[in-house]
């Protein structure tokens, strides 16, 4: 099978003000999308620890804390910062076309 990337429109840029995050369904993939001072990031919505909704987490710069147990993830690369060495979350490329926010999802063909 071959993997191809597909851009999926998930929101308008204006729907996600700076400092905010939200849940989006990107063609069946549950994601947390963040606006950090005008830069957008997307990661899996479920914390790898026990599935906490990262879209409901507290944002501190480019770090989000899981609302259930406080695991903290770097939004730029998905790495778990605290506790160190624990599983990461998948990150997704985010881009803007006009006022639309897109997330790139890999799909098998």
Foldseek 3Di string as FASTA:
>chain_A
DDKDKDKFWWFFLVVADAQAWAWTQRVNQIWIWHHHPNDIWIWRQADPPHGAGQNPFHDDRQWTARPPPGFIARRVQQATPPVHPDDGIDIWDWDDDDRTIITMDMDDD
